[in-house]
């Protein structure tokens, strides 16, 4: 999904401070849109490779954490 589209839906369907949950997180495009628009977010993804790539977008960001065992972003 294009980043601008994810950001549009985040702004349209939620308010600042809301929690955005994406059960099919992929590369966390929705999470990035939520982050850029002051929403809290949580993503899950079945494919570990997608999550590893997505985690690189947020490595070092305040509050970022992952529950993938043995994974170091």
N, C-alpha and C. Protein backbone atom coordinates (compact mmCIF):
# COMPACT_ATOMS: atom_id res chain seq x y z
N UNK A 1 0.84 -1.17 0.00
CA UNK A 1 0.00 0.00 0.00
C UNK A 1 0.89 1.24 0.00
N UNK A 2 0.57 2.22 -0.78
CA UNK A 2 1.35 3.46 -0.77
C UNK A 2 1.25 4.18 0.58
N UNK A 3 2.34 4.77 1.01
CA UNK A 3 2.39 5.45 2.31
C UNK A 3 1.34 6.54 2.45
N UNK A 4 1.15 7.32 1.41
CA UNK A 4 0.17 8.41 1.47
C UNK A 4 -1.26 7.89 1.66
N UNK A 5 -1.56 6.75 1.08
CA UNK A 5 -2.88 6.15 1.25
C UNK A 5 -3.08 5.70 2.70
N UNK A 6 -2.07 5.06 3.26
CA UNK A 6 -2.15 4.63 4.66
C UNK A 6 -2.34 5.84 5.58
N UNK A 7 -1.58 6.89 5.34
CA UNK A 7 -1.71 8.11 6.15
C UNK A 7 -3.12 8.70 6.03
N UNK A 8 -3.65 8.71 4.83
CA UNK A 8 -5.01 9.24 4.62
C UNK A 8 -6.02 8.49 5.48
N UNK A 9 -5.99 7.16 5.43
CA UNK A 9 -6.95 6.38 6.20
C UNK A 9 -6.74 6.54 7.70
N UNK A 10 -5.50 6.64 8.12
CA UNK A 10 -5.22 6.85 9.55
C UNK A 10 -5.86 8.16 10.01
N UNK A 11 -5.66 9.23 9.26
CA UNK A 11 -6.24 10.53 9.63
C UNK A 11 -7.77 10.52 9.54
N UNK A 12 -8.31 9.86 8.51
CA UNK A 12 -9.75 9.84 8.28
C UNK A 12 -10.51 9.01 9.32
N UNK A 13 -9.92 7.89 9.73
CA UNK A 13 -10.64 6.93 10.56
C UNK A 13 -10.27 6.96 12.04
N UNK A 14 -9.38 7.87 12.45
CA UNK A 14 -8.96 7.89 13.85
C UNK A 14 -8.66 9.31 14.29
N UNK A 15 -8.44 9.45 15.60
CA UNK A 15 -8.08 10.73 16.18
C UNK A 15 -6.70 10.61 16.82
N UNK A 16 -6.07 11.76 17.02
CA UNK A 16 -4.76 11.79 17.66
C UNK A 16 -4.83 11.02 18.98
N UNK A 17 -3.84 10.15 19.19
CA UNK A 17 -3.77 9.35 20.41
C UNK A 17 -4.45 8.00 20.32
N UNK A 18 -5.28 7.77 19.30
CA UNK A 18 -5.94 6.48 19.14
C UNK A 18 -4.91 5.37 18.88
N UNK A 19 -5.33 4.15 19.15
CA UNK A 19 -4.50 2.98 18.86
C UNK A 19 -4.95 2.39 17.52
N UNK A 20 -4.01 2.29 16.59
CA UNK A 20 -4.26 1.69 15.28
C UNK A 20 -3.69 0.28 15.32
N UNK A 21 -4.50 -0.72 14.99
CA UNK A 21 -4.06 -2.11 14.99
C UNK A 21 -4.18 -2.64 13.56
N UNK A 22 -3.08 -3.18 13.06
CA UNK A 22 -3.06 -3.77 11.72
C UNK A 22 -2.64 -5.23 11.84
N UNK A 23 -3.60 -6.18 11.76
CA UNK A 23 -3.26 -7.59 11.94
C UNK A 23 -2.50 -8.19 10.77
N UNK A 24 -2.44 -7.49 9.66
CA UNK A 24 -1.70 -7.96 8.49
C UNK A 24 -0.66 -6.90 8.14
N UNK A 25 0.27 -6.68 9.05
CA UNK A 25 1.17 -5.53 9.04
C UNK A 25 2.11 -5.39 7.86
N UNK A 26 2.47 -6.49 7.23
CA UNK A 26 3.41 -6.38 6.11
C UNK A 26 4.65 -5.60 6.49
N UNK A 27 4.92 -4.53 5.77
CA UNK A 27 6.10 -3.72 6.04
C UNK A 27 5.79 -2.54 6.94
N UNK A 28 4.68 -2.60 7.66
CA UNK A 28 4.26 -1.62 8.65
C UNK A 28 3.99 -0.24 8.04
N UNK A 29 3.45 -0.21 6.84
CA UNK A 29 3.10 1.06 6.21
C UNK A 29 2.03 1.77 7.02
N UNK A 30 1.06 1.03 7.52
CA UNK A 30 0.03 1.63 8.36
C UNK A 30 0.63 2.12 9.67
N UNK A 31 1.54 1.36 10.23
CA UNK A 31 2.23 1.80 11.45
C UNK A 31 3.00 3.08 11.23
N UNK A 32 3.63 3.20 10.10
CA UNK A 32 4.37 4.42 9.76
C UNK A 32 3.41 5.61 9.62
N UNK A 33 2.27 5.38 8.98
CA UNK A 33 1.26 6.42 8.86
C UNK A 33 0.73 6.85 10.22
N UNK A 34 0.54 5.88 11.09
CA UNK A 34 0.08 6.19 12.45
C UNK A 34 1.14 6.98 13.20
N UNK A 35 2.36 6.56 13.08
CA UNK A 35 3.48 7.25 13.75
C UNK A 35 3.57 8.71 13.30
N UNK A 36 3.46 8.94 12.03
CA UNK A 36 3.57 10.29 11.48
C UNK A 36 2.38 11.19 11.84
N UNK A 37 1.29 10.58 12.28
CA UNK A 37 0.09 11.34 12.61
C UNK A 37 -0.30 11.24 14.08
N UNK A 38 0.68 10.97 14.92
CA UNK A 38 0.50 10.98 16.38
C UNK A 38 -0.54 9.99 16.89
N UNK A 39 -0.53 8.81 16.28
CA UNK A 39 -1.37 7.72 16.77
C UNK A 39 -0.45 6.63 17.31
N UNK A 40 -0.96 5.91 18.30
CA UNK A 40 -0.24 4.72 18.77
C UNK A 40 -0.55 3.60 17.79
N UNK A 41 0.31 2.61 17.69
CA UNK A 41 0.05 1.56 16.70
C UNK A 41 0.64 0.23 17.13
N UNK A 42 0.07 -0.83 16.59
CA UNK A 42 0.51 -2.19 16.81
C UNK A 42 0.27 -2.95 15.53
N UNK A 43 1.28 -3.67 15.06
CA UNK A 43 1.10 -4.51 13.88
C UNK A 43 1.53 -5.93 14.20
N UNK A 44 0.89 -6.87 13.54
CA UNK A 44 1.31 -8.26 13.58
C UNK A 44 1.48 -8.71 12.13
N UNK A 45 2.31 -9.70 11.95
CA UNK A 45 2.56 -10.22 10.61
C UNK A 45 3.06 -11.64 10.74
N UNK A 46 2.55 -12.51 9.93
CA UNK A 46 2.94 -13.92 9.97
C UNK A 46 4.32 -14.15 9.36
N UNK A 47 4.67 -13.36 8.37
CA UNK A 47 5.93 -13.54 7.65
C UNK A 47 7.06 -12.78 8.37
N UNK A 48 7.96 -13.51 8.96
CA UNK A 48 9.06 -12.92 9.73
C UNK A 48 9.90 -11.96 8.88
N UNK A 49 10.12 -12.29 7.63
CA UNK A 49 10.94 -11.44 6.76
C UNK A 49 10.33 -10.05 6.58
N UNK A 50 9.01 -10.00 6.47
CA UNK A 50 8.33 -8.69 6.37
C UNK A 50 8.54 -7.89 7.64
N UNK A 51 8.38 -8.55 8.78
CA UNK A 51 8.56 -7.85 10.05
C UNK A 51 9.98 -7.36 10.24
N UNK A 52 10.93 -8.15 9.83
CA UNK A 52 12.34 -7.73 9.96
C UNK A 52 12.60 -6.50 9.11
N UNK A 53 12.05 -6.47 7.90
CA UNK A 53 12.21 -5.30 7.03
C UNK A 53 11.49 -4.10 7.63
N UNK A 54 10.30 -4.32 8.14
CA UNK A 54 9.53 -3.22 8.74
C UNK A 54 10.25 -2.66 9.97
N UNK A 55 10.83 -3.53 10.76
CA UNK A 55 11.51 -3.08 11.98
C UNK A 55 12.67 -2.14 11.67
N UNK A 56 13.28 -2.31 10.52
CA UNK A 56 14.39 -1.43 10.15
C UNK A 56 13.93 0.02 9.99
N UNK A 57 12.67 0.22 9.63
CA UNK A 57 12.12 1.57 9.49
C UNK A 57 12.07 2.31 10.82
N UNK A 58 11.96 1.54 11.91
CA UNK A 58 11.72 2.14 13.22
C UNK A 58 12.87 1.94 14.20
N UNK A 59 13.89 1.22 13.80
CA UNK A 59 15.02 0.96 14.71
C UNK A 59 15.57 2.29 15.22
N UNK A 60 15.71 2.38 16.53
CA UNK A 60 16.23 3.58 17.14
C UNK A 60 15.19 4.63 17.47
N UNK A 61 13.95 4.43 17.03
CA UNK A 61 12.88 5.40 17.34
C UNK A 61 12.47 5.25 18.80
N UNK A 62 12.15 6.37 19.46
CA UNK A 62 11.73 6.30 20.87
C UNK A 62 10.52 5.39 21.04
N UNK A 63 10.57 4.49 22.00
CA UNK A 63 9.45 3.62 22.30
C UNK A 63 9.33 2.39 21.43
N UNK A 64 10.20 2.25 20.41
CA UNK A 64 10.09 1.08 19.53
C UNK A 64 10.57 -0.16 20.25
N UNK A 65 9.79 -1.21 20.14
CA UNK A 65 10.22 -2.50 20.66
C UNK A 65 9.58 -3.59 19.82
N UNK A 66 10.22 -4.73 19.82
CA UNK A 66 9.71 -5.87 19.08
C UNK A 66 9.65 -7.07 20.01
N UNK A 67 8.72 -7.96 19.75
CA UNK A 67 8.61 -9.17 20.56
C UNK A 67 9.11 -10.39 19.81
N UNK A 68 9.88 -10.15 18.72
CA UNK A 68 10.42 -11.27 17.96
C UNK A 68 11.65 -11.79 18.70
N UNK A 69 11.54 -12.99 19.20
CA UNK A 69 12.64 -13.58 19.94
C UNK A 69 13.94 -13.64 19.16
N UNK A 70 15.01 -13.15 19.74
CA UNK A 70 16.31 -13.21 19.11
C UNK A 70 16.55 -12.18 18.03
N UNK A 71 15.60 -11.33 17.80
CA UNK A 71 15.74 -10.33 16.74
C UNK A 71 16.37 -9.07 17.30
N UNK A 72 17.37 -8.59 16.64
CA UNK A 72 18.00 -7.32 17.02
C UNK A 72 17.88 -6.37 15.85
N UNK A 73 17.08 -5.34 16.01
CA UNK A 73 16.87 -4.37 14.94
C UNK A 73 18.09 -3.50 14.77
